[in-house]
Amino acid sequence: MKSALEHFDKAFENRIRLQIMSVLVANDSYDFNSLKDLLLVTDGNLASHLKALEKEQYITIYKSFLGRKPNTTYSASELGIMAFKKHLQALENLIKQQKQ
């Protein structure tokens, strides 16, 4: 059992970070407010989880302006995509082990 668990990525243990990466891997990019509305989280909660993913270099941040309003958009980095897929594979392996 330990062999499957050792490939889990601690960055994705939190459900919000797992959800963020799911959205970003499935889409080219997503802006802050759209992520907040989709995941039903507060500004501060989302910001802290995005910061954790940024620290791991799993996401890329783009800051721009729409008219006079600042707009922050996020996308999954190549490193983040690879780490997320590896984590999902570890989950699948754990499930397969449980069935045996």
PDB file of N, CA and C in Angstrom:
ATOM      1  N   MET A   1       0.823  -1.203   0.000  1.00  0.00           N
ATOM      2  CA  MET A   1       0.000   0.000   0.000  1.00  0.00           C
ATOM      3  C   MET A   1       0.862   1.260   0.000  1.00  0.00           C
ATOM      4  N   LYS A   2       1.984   1.208   0.712  1.00  0.00           N
ATOM      5  CA  LYS A   2       2.845   2.379   0.816  1.00  0.00           C
ATOM      6  C   LYS A   2       3.361   2.839  -0.543  1.00  0.00           C
ATOM      7  N   SER A   3       3.620   1.915  -1.457  1.00  0.00           N
ATOM      8  CA  SER A   3       4.177   2.288  -2.752  1.00  0.00           C
ATOM      9  C   SER A   3       3.251   3.208  -3.532  1.00  0.00           C
ATOM     10  N   ALA A   4       1.946   3.009  -3.450  1.00  0.00           N
ATOM     11  CA  ALA A   4       1.002   3.894  -4.142  1.00  0.00           C
ATOM     12  C   ALA A   4       0.955   5.265  -3.469  1.00  0.00           C
ATOM     13  N   LEU A   5       1.004   5.290  -2.166  1.00  0.00           N
ATOM     14  CA  LEU A   5       0.897   6.549  -1.430  1.00  0.00           C
ATOM     15  C   LEU A   5       2.130   7.434  -1.582  1.00  0.00           C
ATOM     16  N   GLU A   6       3.280   6.853  -1.809  1.00  0.00           N
ATOM     17  CA  GLU A   6       4.497   7.659  -1.894  1.00  0.00           C
ATOM     18  C   GLU A   6       4.522   8.556  -3.131  1.00  0.00           C
ATOM     19  N   HIS A   7       3.661   8.302  -4.110  1.00  0.00           N
ATOM     20  CA  HIS A   7       3.626   9.126  -5.327  1.00  0.00           C
ATOM     21  C   HIS A   7       2.570  10.226  -5.260  1.00  0.00           C
ATOM     22  N   PHE A   8       1.883  10.328  -4.137  1.00  0.00           N
ATOM     23  CA  PHE A   8       0.924  11.416  -3.968  1.00  0.00           C
ATOM     24  C   PHE A   8       1.692  12.724  -3.813  1.00  0.00           C
ATOM     25  N   ASP A   9       1.140  13.786  -4.370  1.00  0.00           N
ATOM     26  CA  ASP A   9       1.753  15.107  -4.272  1.00  0.00           C
ATOM     27  C   ASP A   9       1.023  15.887  -3.190  1.00  0.00           C
ATOM     28  N   LYS A  10       1.742  16.290  -2.165  1.00  0.00           N
ATOM     29  CA  LYS A  10       1.133  17.009  -1.036  1.00  0.00           C
ATOM     30  C   LYS A  10       0.435  18.295  -1.484  1.00  0.00           C
ATOM     31  N   ALA A  11       0.876  18.885  -2.573  1.00  0.00           N
ATOM     32  CA  ALA A  11       0.256  20.110  -3.065  1.00  0.00           C
ATOM     33  C   ALA A  11      -1.201  19.895  -3.451  1.00  0.00           C
ATOM     34  N   PHE A  12      -1.562  18.664  -3.769  1.00  0.00           N
ATOM     35  CA  PHE A  12      -2.923  18.370  -4.202  1.00  0.00           C
ATOM     36  C   PHE A  12      -3.750  17.684  -3.121  1.00  0.00           C
ATOM     37  N   GLU A  13      -3.254  17.606  -1.895  1.00  0.00           N
ATOM     38  CA  GLU A  13      -4.020  16.987  -0.820  1.00  0.00           C
ATOM     39  C   GLU A  13      -5.245  17.801  -0.453  1.00  0.00           C
ATOM     40  N   ASN A  14      -5.162  19.104  -0.611  1.00  0.00           N
ATOM     41  CA  ASN A  14      -6.302  19.966  -0.321  1.00  0.00           C
ATOM     42  C   ASN A  14      -7.266  19.946  -1.507  1.00  0.00           C
ATOM     43  N   ARG A  15      -8.552  19.811  -1.238  1.00  0.00           N
ATOM     44  CA  ARG A  15      -9.530  19.680  -2.317  1.00  0.00           C
ATOM     45  C   ARG A  15      -9.608  20.926  -3.207  1.00  0.00           C
ATOM     46  N   ILE A  16      -9.382  22.107  -2.634  1.00  0.00           N
ATOM     47  CA  ILE A  16      -9.448  23.328  -3.447  1.00  0.00           C
ATOM     48  C   ILE A  16      -8.290  23.378  -4.425  1.00  0.00           C
ATOM     49  N   ARG A  17      -7.085  23.025  -3.987  1.00  0.00           N
ATOM     50  CA  ARG A  17      -5.943  22.998  -4.910  1.00  0.00           C
ATOM     51  C   ARG A  17      -6.141  21.926  -5.970  1.00  0.00           C
ATOM     52  N   LEU A  18      -6.720  20.810  -5.597  1.00  0.00           N
ATOM     53  CA  LEU A  18      -7.025  19.757  -6.563  1.00  0.00           C
ATOM     54  C   LEU A  18      -8.043  20.260  -7.586  1.00  0.00           C
ATOM     55  N   GLN A  19      -9.049  20.985  -7.120  1.00  0.00           N
ATOM     56  CA  GLN A  19     -10.047  21.547  -8.023  1.00  0.00           C
ATOM     57  C   GLN A  19      -9.439  22.607  -8.945  1.00  0.00           C
ATOM     58  N   ILE A  20      -8.602  23.466  -8.392  1.00  0.00           N
ATOM     59  CA  ILE A  20      -7.954  24.502  -9.202  1.00  0.00           C
ATOM     60  C   ILE A  20      -7.166  23.854 -10.332  1.00  0.00           C
ATOM     61  N   MET A  21      -6.351  22.861  -9.989  1.00  0.00           N
ATOM     62  CA  MET A  21      -5.544  22.208 -11.023  1.00  0.00           C
ATOM     63  C   MET A  21      -6.413  21.475 -12.031  1.00  0.00           C
ATOM     64  N   SER A  22      -7.516  20.883 -11.588  1.00  0.00           N
ATOM     65  CA  SER A  22      -8.429  20.213 -12.518  1.00  0.00           C
ATOM     66  C   SER A  22      -8.953  21.205 -13.542  1.00  0.00           C
ATOM     67  N   VAL A  23      -9.343  22.375 -13.079  1.00  0.00           N
ATOM     68  CA  VAL A  23      -9.861  23.410 -13.979  1.00  0.00           C
ATOM     69  C   VAL A  23      -8.770  23.897 -14.931  1.00  0.00           C
ATOM     70  N   LEU A  24      -7.578  24.154 -14.391  1.00  0.00           N
ATOM     71  CA  LEU A  24      -6.506  24.712 -15.212  1.00  0.00           C
ATOM     72  C   LEU A  24      -5.937  23.706 -16.206  1.00  0.00           C
ATOM     73  N   VAL A  25      -5.925  22.427 -15.853  1.00  0.00           N
ATOM     74  CA  VAL A  25      -5.439  21.416 -16.798  1.00  0.00           C
ATOM     75  C   VAL A  25      -6.461  21.211 -17.910  1.00  0.00           C
ATOM     76  N   ALA A  26      -7.742  21.337 -17.586  1.00  0.00           N
ATOM     77  CA  ALA A  26      -8.802  21.138 -18.577  1.00  0.00           C
ATOM     78  C   ALA A  26      -9.024  22.357 -19.469  1.00  0.00           C
ATOM     79  N   ASN A  27      -8.545  23.521 -19.051  1.00  0.00           N
ATOM     80  CA  ASN A  27      -8.741  24.768 -19.794  1.00  0.00           C
ATOM     81  C   ASN A  27      -7.395  25.446 -20.023  1.00  0.00           C
ATOM     82  N   ASP A  28      -7.316  26.255 -21.056  1.00  0.00           N
ATOM     83  CA  ASP A  28      -6.076  26.982 -21.327  1.00  0.00           C
ATOM     84  C   ASP A  28      -5.730  27.937 -20.191  1.00  0.00           C
ATOM     85  N   SER A  29      -6.740  28.637 -19.697  1.00  0.00           N
ATOM     86  CA  SER A  29      -6.532  29.578 -18.599  1.00  0.00           C
ATOM     87  C   SER A  29      -7.876  29.896 -17.962  1.00  0.00           C
ATOM     88  N   TYR A  30      -7.804  30.512 -16.789  1.00  0.00           N
ATOM     89  CA  TYR A  30      -9.008  30.893 -16.049  1.00  0.00           C
ATOM     90  C   TYR A  30      -8.665  32.126 -15.246  1.00  0.00           C
ATOM     91  N   ASP A  31      -9.583  33.092 -15.162  1.00  0.00           N
ATOM     92  CA  ASP A  31      -9.290  34.285 -14.373  1.00  0.00           C
ATOM     93  C   ASP A  31      -9.744  34.098 -12.929  1.00  0.00           C
ATOM     94  N   PHE A  32      -9.256  34.969 -12.068  1.00  0.00           N
ATOM     95  CA  PHE A  32      -9.479  34.849 -10.627  1.00  0.00           C
ATOM     96  C   PHE A  32     -10.962  34.790 -10.288  1.00  0.00           C
ATOM     97  N   ASN A  33     -11.738  35.752 -10.789  1.00  0.00           N
ATOM     98  CA  ASN A  33     -13.158  35.808 -10.423  1.00  0.00           C
ATOM     99  C   ASN A  33     -13.929  34.600 -10.934  1.00  0.00           C
ATOM    100  N   SER A  34     -13.585  34.105 -12.112  1.00  0.00           N
ATOM    101  CA  SER A  34     -14.260  32.919 -12.640  1.00  0.00           C
ATOM    102  C   SER A  34     -13.936  31.694 -11.794  1.00  0.00           C
ATOM    103  N   LEU A  35     -12.678  31.553 -11.378  1.00  0.00           N
ATOM    104  CA  LEU A  35     -12.296  30.455 -10.490  1.00  0.00           C
ATOM    105  C   LEU A  35     -13.043  30.553  -9.161  1.00  0.00           C
ATOM    106  N   LYS A  36     -13.119  31.753  -8.617  1.00  0.00           N
ATOM    107  CA  LYS A  36     -13.787  31.972  -7.338  1.00  0.00           C
ATOM    108  C   LYS A  36     -15.264  31.582  -7.437  1.00  0.00           C
ATOM    109  N   ASP A  37     -15.922  31.998  -8.510  1.00  0.00           N
ATOM    110  CA  ASP A  37     -17.337  31.670  -8.689  1.00  0.00           C
ATOM    111  C   ASP A  37     -17.551  30.175  -8.917  1.00  0.00           C
ATOM    112  N   LEU A  38     -16.678  29.570  -9.701  1.00  0.00           N
ATOM    113  CA  LEU A  38     -16.805  28.146 -10.011  1.00  0.00           C
ATOM    114  C   LEU A  38     -16.601  27.277  -8.768  1.00  0.00           C
ATOM    115  N   LEU A  39     -15.591  27.612  -7.968  1.00  0.00           N
ATOM    116  CA  LEU A  39     -15.230  26.794  -6.814  1.00  0.00           C
ATOM    117  C   LEU A  39     -15.972  27.184  -5.532  1.00  0.00           C
ATOM    118  N   LEU A  40     -16.716  28.295  -5.585  1.00  0.00           N
ATOM    119  CA  LEU A  40     -17.480  28.773  -4.426  1.00  0.00           C
ATOM    120  C   LEU A  40     -16.604  28.982  -3.204  1.00  0.00           C
ATOM    121  N   VAL A  41     -15.521  29.740  -3.390  1.00  0.00           N
ATOM    122  CA  VAL A  41     -14.598  30.062  -2.301  1.00  0.00           C
ATOM    123  C   VAL A  41     -14.467  31.573  -2.169  1.00  0.00           C
ATOM    124  N   THR A  42     -13.931  32.010  -1.051  1.00  0.00           N
ATOM    125  CA  THR A  42     -13.714  33.441  -0.837  1.00  0.00           C
ATOM    126  C   THR A  42     -12.448  33.902  -1.555  1.00  0.00           C
ATOM    127  N   ASP A  43     -12.313  35.205  -1.702  1.00  0.00           N
ATOM    128  CA  ASP A  43     -11.114  35.781  -2.315  1.00  0.00           C
ATOM    129  C   ASP A  43      -9.858  35.319  -1.590  1.00  0.00           C
ATOM    130  N   GLY A  44      -9.858  35.445  -0.267  1.00  0.00           N
ATOM    131  CA  GLY A  44      -8.677  35.103   0.524  1.00  0.00           C
ATOM    132  C   GLY A  44      -8.340  33.626   0.458  1.00  0.00           C
ATOM    133  N   ASN A  45      -9.366  32.780   0.505  1.00  0.00           N
ATOM    134  CA  ASN A  45      -9.149  31.349   0.442  1.00  0.00           C
ATOM    135  C   ASN A  45      -8.542  30.955  -0.911  1.00  0.00           C
ATOM    136  N   LEU A  46      -9.124  31.470  -1.983  1.00  0.00           N
ATOM    137  CA  LEU A  46      -8.603  31.172  -3.313  1.00  0.00           C
ATOM    138  C   LEU A  46      -7.182  31.696  -3.465  1.00  0.00           C
ATOM    139  N   ALA A  47      -6.949  32.920  -3.024  1.00  0.00           N
ATOM    140  CA  ALA A  47      -5.619  33.530  -3.153  1.00  0.00           C
ATOM    141  C   ALA A  47      -4.557  32.698  -2.432  1.00  0.00           C
ATOM    142  N   SER A  48      -4.876  32.191  -1.249  1.00  0.00           N
ATOM    143  CA  SER A  48      -3.881  31.415  -0.510  1.00  0.00           C
ATOM    144  C   SER A  48      -3.570  30.095  -1.213  1.00  0.00           C
ATOM    145  N   HIS A  49      -4.566  29.453  -1.790  1.00  0.00           N
ATOM    146  CA  HIS A  49      -4.325  28.198  -2.502  1.00  0.00           C
ATOM    147  C   HIS A  49      -3.587  28.432  -3.818  1.00  0.00           C
ATOM    148  N   LEU A  50      -3.901  29.528  -4.495  1.00  0.00           N
ATOM    149  CA  LEU A  50      -3.165  29.866  -5.715  1.00  0.00           C
ATOM    150  C   LEU A  50      -1.702  30.163  -5.392  1.00  0.00           C
ATOM    151  N   LYS A  51      -1.478  30.833  -4.280  1.00  0.00           N
ATOM    152  CA  LYS A  51      -0.106  31.142  -3.868  1.00  0.00           C
ATOM    153  C   LYS A  51       0.680  29.856  -3.596  1.00  0.00           C
ATOM    154  N   ALA A  52       0.028  28.878  -2.960  1.00  0.00           N
ATOM    155  CA  ALA A  52       0.687  27.596  -2.687  1.00  0.00           C
ATOM    156  C   ALA A  52       1.058  26.887  -3.992  1.00  0.00           C
ATOM    157  N   LEU A  53       0.164  26.924  -4.971  1.00  0.00           N
ATOM    158  CA  LEU A  53       0.460  26.301  -6.266  1.00  0.00           C
ATOM    159  C   LEU A  53       1.536  27.076  -7.024  1.00  0.00           C
ATOM    160  N   GLU A  54       1.521  28.390  -6.885  1.00  0.00           N
ATOM    161  CA  GLU A  54       2.552  29.222  -7.513  1.00  0.00           C
ATOM    162  C   GLU A  54       3.924  28.917  -6.905  1.00  0.00           C
ATOM    163  N   LYS A  55       3.969  28.743  -5.594  1.00  0.00           N
ATOM    164  CA  LYS A  55       5.222  28.437  -4.905  1.00  0.00           C
ATOM    165  C   LYS A  55       5.835  27.140  -5.430  1.00  0.00           C
ATOM    166  N   GLU A  56       4.992  26.164  -5.761  1.00  0.00           N
ATOM    167  CA  GLU A  56       5.453  24.891  -6.320  1.00  0.00           C
ATOM    168  C   GLU A  56       5.769  25.006  -7.817  1.00  0.00           C
ATOM    169  N   GLN A  57       5.489  26.163  -8.392  1.00  0.00           N
ATOM    170  CA  GLN A  57       5.662  26.438  -9.825  1.00  0.00           C
ATOM    171  C   GLN A  57       4.731  25.577 -10.680  1.00  0.00           C
ATOM    172  N   TYR A  58       3.540  25.277 -10.135  1.00  0.00           N
ATOM    173  CA  TYR A  58       2.561  24.465 -10.840  1.00  0.00           C
ATOM    174  C   TYR A  58       1.607  25.309 -11.684  1.00  0.00           C
ATOM    175  N   ILE A  59       1.590  26.616 -11.434  1.00  0.00           N
ATOM    176  CA  ILE A  59       0.739  27.507 -12.224  1.00  0.00           C
ATOM    177  C   ILE A  59       1.536  28.706 -12.710  1.00  0.00           C
ATOM    178  N   THR A  60       1.036  29.302 -13.759  1.00  0.00           N
ATOM    179  CA  THR A  60       1.616  30.522 -14.320  1.00  0.00           C
ATOM    180  C   THR A  60       0.581  31.625 -14.171  1.00  0.00           C
ATOM    181  N   ILE A  61       1.034  32.802 -13.803  1.00  0.00           N
ATOM    182  CA  ILE A  61       0.141  33.930 -13.560  1.00  0.00           C
ATOM    183  C   ILE A  61       0.378  35.008 -14.606  1.00  0.00           C
ATOM    184  N   TYR A  62      -0.723  35.516 -15.163  1.00  0.00           N
ATOM    185  CA  TYR A  62      -0.671  36.606 -16.136  1.00  0.00           C
ATOM    186  C   TYR A  62      -1.501  37.762 -15.597  1.00  0.00           C
ATOM    187  N   LYS A  63      -0.866  38.913 -15.472  1.00  0.00           N
ATOM    188  CA  LYS A  63      -1.585  40.095 -14.993  1.00  0.00           C
ATOM    189  C   LYS A  63      -1.730  41.065 -16.149  1.00  0.00           C
ATOM    190  N   SER A  64      -2.958  41.563 -16.311  1.00  0.00           N
ATOM    191  CA  SER A  64      -3.239  42.511 -17.390  1.00  0.00           C
ATOM    192  C   SER A  64      -4.354  43.446 -16.939  1.00  0.00           C
ATOM    193  N   PHE A  65      -4.766  44.301 -17.839  1.00  0.00           N
ATOM    194  CA  PHE A  65      -5.872  45.204 -17.563  1.00  0.00           C
ATOM    195  C   PHE A  65      -6.950  44.998 -18.613  1.00  0.00           C
ATOM    196  N   LEU A  66      -8.194  44.976 -18.173  1.00  0.00           N
ATOM    197  CA  LEU A  66      -9.343  44.999 -19.064  1.00  0.00           C
ATOM    198  C   LEU A  66      -9.959  46.371 -18.892  1.00  0.00           C
ATOM    199  N   GLY A  67      -9.656  47.241 -19.838  1.00  0.00           N
ATOM    200  CA  GLY A  67     -10.010  48.641 -19.650  1.00  0.00           C
ATOM    201  C   GLY A  67      -9.131  49.186 -18.539  1.00  0.00           C
ATOM    202  N   ARG A  68      -9.752  49.650 -17.481  1.00  0.00           N
ATOM    203  CA  ARG A  68      -8.995  50.154 -16.335  1.00  0.00           C
ATOM    204  C   ARG A  68      -8.942  49.171 -15.179  1.00  0.00           C
ATOM    205  N   LYS A  69      -9.590  48.022 -15.353  1.00  0.00           N
ATOM    206  CA  LYS A  69      -9.634  47.043 -14.265  1.00  0.00           C
ATOM    207  C   LYS A  69      -8.515  46.015 -14.404  1.00  0.00           C
ATOM    208  N   PRO A  70      -7.820  45.743 -13.294  1.00  0.00           N
ATOM    209  CA  PRO A  70      -6.799  44.687 -13.346  1.00  0.00           C
ATOM    210  C   PRO A  70      -7.455  43.314 -13.500  1.00  0.00           C
ATOM    211  N   ASN A  71      -6.810  42.447 -14.247  1.00  0.00           N
ATOM    212  CA  ASN A  71      -7.316  41.098 -14.472  1.00  0.00           C
ATOM    213  C   ASN A  71      -6.157  40.116 -14.320  1.00  0.00           C
ATOM    214  N   THR A  72      -6.327  39.147 -13.439  1.00  0.00           N
ATOM    215  CA  THR A  72      -5.300  38.128 -13.222  1.00  0.00           C
ATOM    216  C   THR A  72      -5.823  36.806 -13.751  1.00  0.00           C
ATOM    217  N   THR A  73      -5.038  36.205 -14.627  1.00  0.00           N
ATOM    218  CA  THR A  73      -5.398  34.937 -15.248  1.00  0.00           C
ATOM    219  C   THR A  73      -4.346  33.898 -14.882  1.00  0.00           C
ATOM    220  N   TYR A  74      -4.794  32.672 -14.707  1.00  0.00           N
ATOM    221  CA  TYR A  74      -3.920  31.575 -14.290  1.00  0.00           C
ATOM    222  C   TYR A  74      -3.975  30.460 -15.321  1.00  0.00           C
ATOM    223  N   SER A  75      -2.847  29.790 -15.496  1.00  0.00           N
ATOM    224  CA  SER A  75      -2.806  28.590 -16.326  1.00  0.00           C
ATOM    225  C   SER A  75      -1.872  27.585 -15.667  1.00  0.00           C
ATOM    226  N   ALA A  76      -2.060  26.322 -16.001  1.00  0.00           N
ATOM    227  CA  ALA A  76      -1.201  25.269 -15.462  1.00  0.00           C
ATOM    228  C   ALA A  76       0.128  25.293 -16.208  1.00  0.00           C
ATOM    229  N   SER A  77       1.217  25.223 -15.476  1.00  0.00           N
ATOM    230  CA  SER A  77       2.544  25.156 -16.106  1.00  0.00           C
ATOM    231  C   SER A  77       2.793  23.715 -16.556  1.00  0.00           C
ATOM    232  N   GLU A  78       3.804  23.525 -17.363  1.00  0.00           N
ATOM    233  CA  GLU A  78       4.155  22.164 -17.799  1.00  0.00           C
ATOM    234  C   GLU A  78       4.491  21.293 -16.590  1.00  0.00           C
ATOM    235  N   LEU A  79       5.235  21.868 -15.643  1.00  0.00           N
ATOM    236  CA  LEU A  79       5.572  21.151 -14.416  1.00  0.00           C
ATOM    237  C   LEU A  79       4.304  20.776 -13.647  1.00  0.00           C
ATOM    238  N   GLY A  80       3.368  21.707 -13.580  1.00  0.00           N
ATOM    239  CA  GLY A  80       2.111  21.465 -12.882  1.00  0.00           C
ATOM    240  C   GLY A  80       1.282  20.385 -13.545  1.00  0.00           C
ATOM    241  N   ILE A  81       1.238  20.397 -14.866  1.00  0.00           N
ATOM    242  CA  ILE A  81       0.482  19.379 -15.607  1.00  0.00           C
ATOM    243  C   ILE A  81       1.083  18.000 -15.353  1.00  0.00           C
ATOM    244  N   MET A  82       2.404  17.907 -15.426  1.00  0.00           N
ATOM    245  CA  MET A  82       3.063  16.615 -15.182  1.00  0.00           C
ATOM    246  C   MET A  82       2.816  16.135 -13.752  1.00  0.00           C
ATOM    247  N   ALA A  83       2.936  17.039 -12.772  1.00  0.00           N
ATOM    248  CA  ALA A  83       2.732  16.672 -11.373  1.00  0.00           C
ATOM    249  C   ALA A  83       1.286  16.242 -11.130  1.00  0.00           C
ATOM    250  N   PHE A  84       0.354  16.945 -11.747  1.00  0.00           N
ATOM    251  CA  PHE A  84      -1.061  16.624 -11.578  1.00  0.00           C
ATOM    252  C   PHE A  84      -1.379  15.256 -12.176  1.00  0.00           C
ATOM    253  N   LYS A  85      -0.861  14.986 -13.360  1.00  0.00           N
ATOM    254  CA  LYS A  85      -1.097  13.685 -13.991  1.00  0.00           C
ATOM    255  C   LYS A  85      -0.468  12.554 -13.178  1.00  0.00           C
ATOM    256  N   LYS A  86       0.697  12.805 -12.622  1.00  0.00           N
ATOM    257  CA  LYS A  86       1.361  11.799 -11.786  1.00  0.00           C
ATOM    258  C   LYS A  86       0.529  11.527 -10.526  1.00  0.00           C
ATOM    259  N   HIS A  87      -0.028  12.588  -9.952  1.00  0.00           N
ATOM    260  CA  HIS A  87      -0.869  12.453  -8.769  1.00  0.00           C
ATOM    261  C   HIS A  87      -2.132  11.647  -9.103  1.00  0.00           C
ATOM    262  N   LEU A  88      -2.755  11.956 -10.227  1.00  0.00           N
ATOM    263  CA  LEU A  88      -3.957  11.214 -10.639  1.00  0.00           C
ATOM    264  C   LEU A  88      -3.636   9.740 -10.879  1.00  0.00           C
ATOM    265  N   GLN A  89      -2.481   9.480 -11.464  1.00  0.00           N
ATOM    266  CA  GLN A  89      -2.068   8.093 -11.689  1.00  0.00           C
ATOM    267  C   GLN A  89      -1.882   7.371 -10.355  1.00  0.00           C
ATOM    268  N   ALA A  90      -1.321   8.059  -9.372  1.00  0.00           N
ATOM    269  CA  ALA A  90      -1.154   7.463  -8.047  1.00  0.00           C
ATOM    270  C   ALA A  90      -2.510   7.140  -7.424  1.00  0.00           C
ATOM    271  N   LEU A  91      -3.487   8.021  -7.619  1.00  0.00           N
ATOM    272  CA  LEU A  91      -4.839   7.757  -7.121  1.00  0.00           C
ATOM    273  C   LEU A  91      -5.435   6.524  -7.804  1.00  0.00           C
ATOM    274  N   GLU A  92      -5.276   6.453  -9.118  1.00  0.00           N
ATOM    275  CA  GLU A  92      -5.775   5.296  -9.869  1.00  0.00           C
ATOM    276  C   GLU A  92      -5.111   4.006  -9.396  1.00  0.00           C
ATOM    277  N   ASN A  93      -3.813   4.055  -9.171  1.00  0.00           N
ATOM    278  CA  ASN A  93      -3.089   2.882  -8.693  1.00  0.00           C
ATOM    279  C   ASN A  93      -3.580   2.447  -7.319  1.00  0.00           C
ATOM    280  N   LEU A  94      -3.857   3.408  -6.460  1.00  0.00           N
ATOM    281  CA  LEU A  94      -4.373   3.096  -5.130  1.00  0.00           C
ATOM    282  C   LEU A  94      -5.729   2.402  -5.239  1.00  0.00           C
ATOM    283  N   ILE A  95      -6.587   2.905  -6.105  1.00  0.00           N
ATOM    284  CA  ILE A  95      -7.908   2.314  -6.298  1.00  0.00           C
ATOM    285  C   ILE A  95      -7.769   0.876  -6.838  1.00  0.00           C
ATOM    286  N   LYS A  96      -6.878   0.686  -7.781  1.00  0.00           N
ATOM    287  CA  LYS A  96      -6.658  -0.653  -8.352  1.00  0.00           C
ATOM    288  C   LYS A  96      -6.154  -1.611  -7.283  1.00  0.00           C
ATOM    289  N   GLN A  97      -5.272  -1.138  -6.403  1.00  0.00           N
ATOM    290  CA  GLN A  97      -4.741  -1.984  -5.329  1.00  0.00           C
ATOM    291  C   GLN A  97      -5.846  -2.388  -4.372  1.00  0.00           C
ATOM    292  N   GLN A  98      -6.791  -1.482  -4.139  1.00  0.00           N
ATOM    293  CA  GLN A  98      -7.880  -1.762  -3.211  1.00  0.00           C
ATOM    294  C   GLN A  98      -8.814  -2.838  -3.760  1.00  0.00           C
ATOM    295  N   LYS A  99      -8.925  -2.915  -5.075  1.00  0.00           N
ATOM    296  CA  LYS A  99      -9.828  -3.892  -5.711  1.00  0.00           C
ATOM    297  C   LYS A  99      -9.236  -5.294  -5.701  1.00  0.00           C
ATOM    298  N   GLN A 100      -7.933  -5.396  -5.548  1.00  0.00           N
ATOM    299  CA  GLN A 100      -7.281  -6.714  -5.598  1.00  0.00           C
ATOM    300  C   GLN A 100      -7.398  -7.468  -4.312  1.00  0.00           C
TER     301      GLN A 100
END
